[in-house]
Amino acid sequence: KLIKYFFVLSLFIFCLILFFISLTDRYLFYLIIFISFFNDTVAYLSGRFFAGKLIIPSISPNKTWSGTLISFFATSFILLLLNFSILLSMISAISLFLGDIFFSFVKRFLQIKDFSASLGGHGGILDRLDSMFLLAIIFQIYLVF
């Protein structure tokens, strides 16, 4: 039961951070959306194409090493092209994976398949935003410092 409250609180903080970023730096706000969708798409397509060993099947049953590593390098490369440092690019790429795993863990813990049925077989809105979760926090820290 405590994890439900922690999850709701973390979603509230996530929304506040996204709101602050949208007011402070609209470019960064759209970059968060773009890069997370890019990362998810590359991970999905490369994971399906190359298959391979699963990372954490008990939490995220379809996440493969190949999809995760290819999306990590592709996302890091895109961020480097956008003049982010190597360190920030790599941390951002890792955060996309960890945000996704965090939401998958919460779903498994709460024993739900998707956060809603609003997008048919693709989960709900939160299932599309999961990888943005930690990335938004990292970019907020980036903005402040």
N, C-alpha and C. Protein backbone atom coordinates (compact mmCIF):
# COMPACT_ATOMS: atom_id res chain seq x y z
N LYS A 1 0.82 -1.19 0.00
CA LYS A 1 0.00 0.00 0.00
C LYS A 1 0.86 1.25 0.00
N LEU A 2 1.98 1.21 0.67
CA LEU A 2 2.89 2.35 0.71
C LEU A 2 3.44 2.67 -0.68
N ILE A 3 3.67 1.63 -1.48
CA ILE A 3 4.21 1.87 -2.82
C ILE A 3 3.21 2.64 -3.69
N LYS A 4 1.91 2.44 -3.46
CA LYS A 4 0.91 3.20 -4.20
C LYS A 4 1.04 4.69 -3.91
N TYR A 5 1.20 5.03 -2.63
CA TYR A 5 1.33 6.44 -2.25
C TYR A 5 2.63 7.03 -2.79
N PHE A 6 3.70 6.26 -2.72
CA PHE A 6 4.98 6.72 -3.26
C PHE A 6 4.87 6.94 -4.75
N PHE A 7 4.20 6.04 -5.44
CA PHE A 7 4.04 6.16 -6.88
C PHE A 7 3.22 7.39 -7.25
N VAL A 8 2.12 7.61 -6.56
CA VAL A 8 1.28 8.78 -6.83
C VAL A 8 2.06 10.06 -6.55
N LEU A 9 2.81 10.08 -5.44
CA LEU A 9 3.63 11.25 -5.12
C LEU A 9 4.69 11.48 -6.19
N SER A 10 5.32 10.41 -6.66
CA SER A 10 6.34 10.56 -7.70
C SER A 10 5.72 11.06 -9.00
N LEU A 11 4.50 10.64 -9.34
CA LEU A 11 3.82 11.15 -10.52
C LEU A 11 3.51 12.63 -10.39
N PHE A 12 3.11 13.03 -9.20
CA PHE A 12 2.83 14.44 -8.94
C PHE A 12 4.10 15.28 -9.13
N ILE A 13 5.21 14.82 -8.58
CA ILE A 13 6.48 15.53 -8.72
C ILE A 13 6.90 15.57 -10.19
N PHE A 14 6.73 14.46 -10.89
CA PHE A 14 7.03 14.39 -12.31
C PHE A 14 6.24 15.44 -13.09
N CYS A 15 4.95 15.56 -12.80
CA CYS A 15 4.11 16.56 -13.49
C CYS A 15 4.57 17.98 -13.18
N LEU A 16 4.92 18.23 -11.93
CA LEU A 16 5.43 19.55 -11.56
C LEU A 16 6.73 19.87 -12.30
N ILE A 17 7.60 18.90 -12.39
CA ILE A 17 8.87 19.11 -13.08
C ILE A 17 8.63 19.38 -14.57
N LEU A 18 7.77 18.59 -15.20
CA LEU A 18 7.46 18.83 -16.60
C LEU A 18 6.85 20.21 -16.82
N PHE A 19 5.99 20.60 -15.92
CA PHE A 19 5.36 21.93 -16.01
C PHE A 19 6.43 23.02 -15.89
N PHE A 20 7.33 22.89 -14.92
CA PHE A 20 8.40 23.87 -14.74
C PHE A 20 9.30 23.92 -15.97
N ILE A 21 9.66 22.77 -16.50
CA ILE A 21 10.52 22.73 -17.69
C ILE A 21 9.81 23.38 -18.87
N SER A 22 8.52 23.13 -19.02
CA SER A 22 7.78 23.73 -20.14
C SER A 22 7.74 25.25 -20.03
N LEU A 23 7.74 25.78 -18.83
CA LEU A 23 7.75 27.23 -18.65
C LEU A 23 9.15 27.82 -18.79
N THR A 24 10.15 27.05 -18.40
CA THR A 24 11.53 27.54 -18.38
C THR A 24 12.23 27.39 -19.73
N ASP A 25 12.09 26.24 -20.34
CA ASP A 25 12.82 25.95 -21.58
C ASP A 25 11.96 25.03 -22.45
N ARG A 26 11.18 25.64 -23.33
CA ARG A 26 10.25 24.87 -24.17
C ARG A 26 10.99 23.87 -25.05
N TYR A 27 12.19 24.22 -25.52
CA TYR A 27 13.01 23.31 -26.33
C TYR A 27 13.31 22.03 -25.55
N LEU A 28 13.70 22.17 -24.30
CA LEU A 28 14.03 21.02 -23.47
C LEU A 28 12.78 20.16 -23.21
N PHE A 29 11.65 20.82 -23.03
CA PHE A 29 10.39 20.11 -22.83
C PHE A 29 10.08 19.21 -24.03
N TYR A 30 10.17 19.77 -25.24
CA TYR A 30 9.90 18.98 -26.44
C TYR A 30 10.98 17.93 -26.67
N LEU A 31 12.19 18.24 -26.28
CA LEU A 31 13.27 17.27 -26.41
C LEU A 31 13.01 16.04 -25.53
N ILE A 32 12.51 16.25 -24.34
CA ILE A 32 12.17 15.14 -23.45
C ILE A 32 11.16 14.22 -24.13
N ILE A 33 10.14 14.81 -24.72
CA ILE A 33 9.11 14.02 -25.39
C ILE A 33 9.71 13.29 -26.59
N PHE A 34 10.43 14.03 -27.44
CA PHE A 34 11.01 13.42 -28.64
C PHE A 34 11.98 12.30 -28.29
N ILE A 35 12.92 12.57 -27.40
CA ILE A 35 13.98 11.61 -27.14
C ILE A 35 13.43 10.35 -26.47
N SER A 36 12.41 10.49 -25.65
CA SER A 36 11.84 9.29 -25.02
C SER A 36 11.08 8.45 -26.03
N PHE A 37 10.34 9.09 -26.94
CA PHE A 37 9.65 8.33 -27.98
C PHE A 37 10.66 7.71 -28.94
N PHE A 38 11.71 8.44 -29.28
CA PHE A 38 12.77 7.91 -30.14
C PHE A 38 13.40 6.69 -29.49
N ASN A 39 13.77 6.82 -28.22
CA ASN A 39 14.41 5.73 -27.49
C ASN A 39 13.51 4.50 -27.43
N ASP A 40 12.25 4.70 -27.08
CA ASP A 40 11.30 3.58 -27.00
C ASP A 40 11.15 2.88 -28.35
N THR A 41 11.07 3.66 -29.42
CA THR A 41 10.89 3.10 -30.76
C THR A 41 12.11 2.31 -31.20
N VAL A 42 13.30 2.89 -30.99
CA VAL A 42 14.53 2.19 -31.37
C VAL A 42 14.69 0.91 -30.55
N ALA A 43 14.41 0.99 -29.26
CA ALA A 43 14.52 -0.19 -28.40
C ALA A 43 13.55 -1.28 -28.86
N TYR A 44 12.33 -0.89 -29.16
CA TYR A 44 11.32 -1.87 -29.60
C TYR A 44 11.72 -2.52 -30.92
N LEU A 45 12.05 -1.68 -31.92
CA LEU A 45 12.37 -2.22 -33.24
C LEU A 45 13.64 -3.06 -33.24
N SER A 46 14.68 -2.58 -32.58
CA SER A 46 15.93 -3.35 -32.56
C SER A 46 15.79 -4.60 -31.69
N GLY A 47 15.02 -4.51 -30.63
CA GLY A 47 14.76 -5.70 -29.80
C GLY A 47 13.99 -6.76 -30.55
N ARG A 48 13.03 -6.33 -31.36
CA ARG A 48 12.25 -7.28 -32.16
C ARG A 48 13.11 -7.89 -33.28
N PHE A 49 13.95 -7.05 -33.89
CA PHE A 49 14.75 -7.50 -35.02
C PHE A 49 15.88 -8.43 -34.59
N PHE A 50 16.62 -8.04 -33.55
CA PHE A 50 17.77 -8.81 -33.11
C PHE A 50 17.45 -9.83 -32.02
N ALA A 51 16.32 -9.63 -31.35
CA ALA A 51 15.90 -10.50 -30.22
C ALA A 51 17.02 -10.57 -29.19
N GLY A 52 17.32 -11.75 -28.72
CA GLY A 52 18.40 -11.89 -27.75
C GLY A 52 17.89 -12.13 -26.35
N LYS A 53 18.83 -12.10 -25.43
CA LYS A 53 18.55 -12.40 -24.04
C LYS A 53 17.73 -11.29 -23.38
N LEU A 54 16.79 -11.71 -22.54
CA LEU A 54 15.96 -10.75 -21.80
C LEU A 54 16.75 -10.20 -20.61
N ILE A 55 16.46 -8.94 -20.26
CA ILE A 55 17.20 -8.30 -19.17
C ILE A 55 16.61 -8.69 -17.81
N ILE A 56 15.36 -8.32 -17.58
CA ILE A 56 14.70 -8.61 -16.30
C ILE A 56 13.30 -9.14 -16.63
N PRO A 57 13.19 -10.40 -17.01
CA PRO A 57 11.89 -10.91 -17.46
C PRO A 57 10.80 -10.88 -16.39
N SER A 58 11.16 -10.90 -15.13
CA SER A 58 10.13 -10.88 -14.08
C SER A 58 9.50 -9.49 -13.95
N ILE A 59 10.18 -8.46 -14.38
CA ILE A 59 9.65 -7.09 -14.29
C ILE A 59 9.18 -6.60 -15.66
N SER A 60 10.02 -6.75 -16.66
CA SER A 60 9.69 -6.31 -18.01
C SER A 60 9.97 -7.47 -18.97
N PRO A 61 8.95 -8.27 -19.27
CA PRO A 61 9.17 -9.53 -19.97
C PRO A 61 9.63 -9.43 -21.42
N ASN A 62 9.58 -8.26 -22.03
CA ASN A 62 9.97 -8.15 -23.44
C ASN A 62 11.24 -7.33 -23.67
N LYS A 63 11.85 -6.85 -22.63
CA LYS A 63 13.03 -5.99 -22.79
C LYS A 63 14.27 -6.84 -22.98
N THR A 64 14.93 -6.63 -24.14
CA THR A 64 16.12 -7.41 -24.47
C THR A 64 17.37 -6.55 -24.34
N TRP A 65 18.50 -7.24 -24.20
CA TRP A 65 19.78 -6.54 -24.14
C TRP A 65 20.06 -5.83 -25.46
N SER A 66 19.74 -6.47 -26.57
CA SER A 66 20.03 -5.87 -27.87
C SER A 66 19.24 -4.57 -28.06
N GLY A 67 17.95 -4.60 -27.76
CA GLY A 67 17.13 -3.40 -27.90
C GLY A 67 17.58 -2.28 -26.97
N THR A 68 17.92 -2.65 -25.76
CA THR A 68 18.34 -1.65 -24.78
C THR A 68 19.69 -1.04 -25.15
N LEU A 69 20.64 -1.86 -25.54
CA LEU A 69 21.97 -1.34 -25.89
C LEU A 69 21.93 -0.49 -27.16
N ILE A 70 21.21 -0.92 -28.16
CA ILE A 70 21.13 -0.14 -29.40
C ILE A 70 20.42 1.19 -29.14
N SER A 71 19.35 1.16 -28.37
CA SER A 71 18.65 2.42 -28.06
C SER A 71 19.52 3.32 -27.18
N PHE A 72 20.31 2.74 -26.29
CA PHE A 72 21.23 3.54 -25.47
C PHE A 72 22.22 4.29 -26.35
N PHE A 73 22.86 3.58 -27.28
CA PHE A 73 23.85 4.23 -28.15
C PHE A 73 23.20 5.23 -29.10
N ALA A 74 22.04 4.88 -29.66
CA ALA A 74 21.36 5.78 -30.59
C ALA A 74 20.92 7.06 -29.89
N THR A 75 20.36 6.92 -28.69
CA THR A 75 19.91 8.08 -27.93
C THR A 75 21.09 8.94 -27.49
N SER A 76 22.14 8.30 -27.02
CA SER A 76 23.34 9.06 -26.64
C SER A 76 23.88 9.83 -27.83
N PHE A 77 23.90 9.19 -28.99
CA PHE A 77 24.42 9.84 -30.20
C PHE A 77 23.57 11.06 -30.58
N ILE A 78 22.25 10.91 -30.54
CA ILE A 78 21.36 12.03 -30.86
C ILE A 78 21.60 13.20 -29.90
N LEU A 79 21.72 12.90 -28.62
CA LEU A 79 21.96 13.96 -27.64
C LEU A 79 23.33 14.62 -27.85
N LEU A 80 24.32 13.83 -28.23
CA LEU A 80 25.63 14.40 -28.55
C LEU A 80 25.53 15.34 -29.75
N LEU A 81 24.76 14.95 -30.76
CA LEU A 81 24.55 15.82 -31.92
C LEU A 81 23.87 17.13 -31.53
N LEU A 82 23.09 17.09 -30.47
CA LEU A 82 22.39 18.29 -29.99
C LEU A 82 23.22 19.06 -28.96
N ASN A 83 24.52 18.76 -28.93
CA ASN A 83 25.50 19.49 -28.10
C ASN A 83 25.38 19.25 -26.60
N PHE A 84 24.88 18.10 -26.21
CA PHE A 84 24.94 17.71 -24.81
C PHE A 84 26.29 17.03 -24.58
N SER A 85 26.77 17.08 -23.36
CA SER A 85 28.05 16.44 -23.05
C SER A 85 27.90 14.92 -23.13
N ILE A 86 29.02 14.25 -23.24
CA ILE A 86 29.00 12.78 -23.29
C ILE A 86 28.38 12.22 -22.02
N LEU A 87 28.78 12.76 -20.87
CA LEU A 87 28.27 12.27 -19.60
C LEU A 87 26.76 12.47 -19.49
N LEU A 88 26.28 13.67 -19.80
CA LEU A 88 24.84 13.92 -19.72
C LEU A 88 24.07 13.08 -20.73
N SER A 89 24.63 12.87 -21.90
CA SER A 89 23.98 12.04 -22.92
C SER A 89 23.83 10.61 -22.44
N MET A 90 24.89 10.08 -21.86
CA MET A 90 24.84 8.70 -21.39
C MET A 90 23.92 8.54 -20.18
N ILE A 91 23.98 9.47 -19.25
CA ILE A 91 23.09 9.42 -18.08
C ILE A 91 21.64 9.53 -18.53
N SER A 92 21.37 10.39 -19.49
CA SER A 92 20.00 10.54 -20.00
C SER A 92 19.51 9.26 -20.65
N ALA A 93 20.37 8.64 -21.45
CA ALA A 93 19.99 7.39 -22.12
C ALA A 93 19.71 6.28 -21.10
N ILE A 94 20.52 6.21 -20.06
CA ILE A 94 20.29 5.21 -19.00
C ILE A 94 19.00 5.51 -18.25
N SER A 95 18.73 6.81 -18.01
CA SER A 95 17.53 7.17 -17.26
C SER A 95 16.26 6.77 -17.99
N LEU A 96 16.29 6.79 -19.31
CA LEU A 96 15.11 6.36 -20.08
C LEU A 96 14.79 4.89 -19.81
N PHE A 97 15.82 4.08 -19.78
CA PHE A 97 15.64 2.65 -19.48
C PHE A 97 15.15 2.47 -18.04
N LEU A 98 15.79 3.16 -17.09
CA LEU A 98 15.44 2.99 -15.68
C LEU A 98 14.03 3.48 -15.37
N GLY A 99 13.60 4.56 -16.02
CA GLY A 99 12.23 5.04 -15.84
C GLY A 99 11.22 4.01 -16.31
N ASP A 100 11.51 3.40 -17.43
CA ASP A 100 10.64 2.35 -17.96
C ASP A 100 10.59 1.16 -17.01
N ILE A 101 11.74 0.76 -16.50
CA ILE A 101 11.80 -0.37 -15.56
C ILE A 101 11.06 -0.04 -14.27
N PHE A 102 11.20 1.20 -13.79
CA PHE A 102 10.50 1.61 -12.56
C PHE A 102 8.99 1.46 -12.73
N PHE A 103 8.45 1.95 -13.85
CA PHE A 103 7.01 1.85 -14.08
C PHE A 103 6.59 0.39 -14.25
N SER A 104 7.43 -0.40 -14.93
CA SER A 104 7.11 -1.82 -15.08
C SER A 104 7.08 -2.52 -13.73
N PHE A 105 8.02 -2.17 -12.86
CA PHE A 105 8.04 -2.74 -11.51
C PHE A 105 6.76 -2.40 -10.76
N VAL A 106 6.34 -1.14 -10.83
CA VAL A 106 5.11 -0.73 -10.15
C VAL A 106 3.91 -1.49 -10.71
N LYS A 107 3.85 -1.64 -12.03
CA LYS A 107 2.74 -2.40 -12.63
C LYS A 107 2.74 -3.84 -12.16
N ARG A 108 3.89 -4.46 -12.10
CA ARG A 108 3.97 -5.86 -11.63
C ARG A 108 3.57 -5.93 -10.15
N PHE A 109 4.05 -4.99 -9.37
CA PHE A 109 3.74 -4.98 -7.94
C PHE A 109 2.23 -4.81 -7.71
N LEU A 110 1.61 -3.94 -8.50
CA LEU A 110 0.17 -3.69 -8.37
C LEU A 110 -0.67 -4.70 -9.16
N GLN A 111 0.03 -5.61 -9.86
CA GLN A 111 -0.61 -6.67 -10.64
C GLN A 111 -1.58 -6.12 -11.70
N ILE A 112 -1.09 -5.15 -12.47
CA ILE A 112 -1.86 -4.63 -13.59
C ILE A 112 -1.02 -4.75 -14.86
N LYS A 113 -1.70 -4.97 -15.98
CA LYS A 113 -0.98 -5.12 -17.24
C LYS A 113 -0.63 -3.75 -17.82
N ASP A 114 -1.62 -2.89 -17.93
CA ASP A 114 -1.42 -1.55 -18.46
C ASP A 114 -2.05 -0.56 -17.48
N PHE A 115 -1.58 0.69 -17.55
CA PHE A 115 -2.14 1.69 -16.65
C PHE A 115 -3.55 2.11 -17.06
N SER A 116 -3.92 1.89 -18.31
CA SER A 116 -5.29 2.10 -18.76
C SER A 116 -5.46 1.46 -20.12
N ALA A 117 -6.66 1.46 -20.62
CA ALA A 117 -6.94 0.87 -21.94
C ALA A 117 -7.16 1.96 -22.98
N SER A 118 -6.73 3.18 -22.69
CA SER A 118 -7.03 4.30 -23.57
C SER A 118 -6.35 4.22 -24.93
N LEU A 119 -5.28 3.46 -25.05
CA LEU A 119 -4.59 3.33 -26.33
C LEU A 119 -4.66 1.91 -26.88
N GLY A 120 -5.73 1.23 -26.60
CA GLY A 120 -5.90 -0.13 -27.10
C GLY A 120 -4.89 -1.08 -26.50
N GLY A 121 -4.22 -1.85 -27.33
CA GLY A 121 -3.25 -2.84 -26.87
C GLY A 121 -1.90 -2.25 -26.51
N HIS A 122 -1.77 -0.94 -26.56
CA HIS A 122 -0.48 -0.30 -26.29
C HIS A 122 -0.41 0.32 -24.91
N GLY A 123 -1.28 -0.05 -24.03
CA GLY A 123 -1.27 0.51 -22.69
C GLY A 123 -1.91 1.89 -22.67
N GLY A 124 -1.76 2.55 -21.56
CA GLY A 124 -2.36 3.88 -21.42
C GLY A 124 -1.35 4.98 -21.60
N ILE A 125 -1.76 6.17 -21.27
CA ILE A 125 -0.89 7.34 -21.41
C ILE A 125 0.36 7.18 -20.55
N LEU A 126 0.20 6.69 -19.33
CA LEU A 126 1.38 6.51 -18.47
C LEU A 126 2.36 5.51 -19.04
N ASP A 127 1.88 4.56 -19.81
CA ASP A 127 2.77 3.60 -20.45
C ASP A 127 3.60 4.25 -21.55
N ARG A 128 3.16 5.36 -22.07
CA ARG A 128 3.93 6.12 -23.06
C ARG A 128 4.89 7.10 -22.39
N LEU A 129 4.60 7.49 -21.17
CA LEU A 129 5.41 8.50 -20.49
C LEU A 129 6.44 7.93 -19.52
N ASP A 130 6.43 6.61 -19.35
CA ASP A 130 7.25 6.01 -18.31
C ASP A 130 8.74 6.32 -18.44
N SER A 131 9.25 6.28 -19.67
CA SER A 131 10.69 6.53 -19.82
C SER A 131 11.04 8.00 -19.61
N MET A 132 10.07 8.89 -19.73
CA MET A 132 10.32 10.32 -19.50
C MET A 132 10.53 10.64 -18.03
N PHE A 133 10.09 9.77 -17.17
CA PHE A 133 10.05 10.03 -15.74
C PHE A 133 11.40 10.49 -15.18
N LEU A 134 12.41 9.67 -15.28
CA LEU A 134 13.73 10.04 -14.73
C LEU A 134 14.44 11.06 -15.60
N LEU A 135 14.19 11.02 -16.91
CA LEU A 135 14.82 11.99 -17.80
C LEU A 135 14.39 13.41 -17.44
N ALA A 136 13.13 13.61 -17.12
CA ALA A 136 12.65 14.93 -16.73
C ALA A 136 13.35 15.40 -15.46
N ILE A 137 13.55 14.50 -14.53
CA ILE A 137 14.25 14.86 -13.28
C ILE A 137 15.69 15.25 -13.58
N ILE A 138 16.35 14.50 -14.44
CA ILE A 138 17.75 14.80 -14.79
C ILE A 138 17.84 16.14 -15.51
N PHE A 139 16.94 16.39 -16.44
CA PHE A 139 16.96 17.67 -17.15
C PHE A 139 16.60 18.84 -16.22
N GLN A 140 15.77 18.59 -15.24
CA GLN A 140 15.47 19.64 -14.25
C GLN A 140 16.74 19.99 -13.47
N ILE A 141 17.47 18.99 -13.07
CA ILE A 141 18.75 19.23 -12.37
C ILE A 141 19.71 19.97 -13.30
N TYR A 142 19.74 19.56 -14.55
CA TYR A 142 20.57 20.23 -15.57
C TYR A 142 20.22 21.71 -15.68
N LEU A 143 18.92 22.02 -15.70
CA LEU A 143 18.48 23.42 -15.79
C LEU A 143 18.90 24.23 -14.56
N VAL A 144 18.80 23.63 -13.40
CA VAL A 144 19.11 24.35 -12.16
C VAL A 144 20.60 24.60 -12.01
N PHE A 145 21.41 23.62 -12.41
CA PHE A 145 22.86 23.76 -12.24
C PHE A 145 23.52 24.05 -13.55
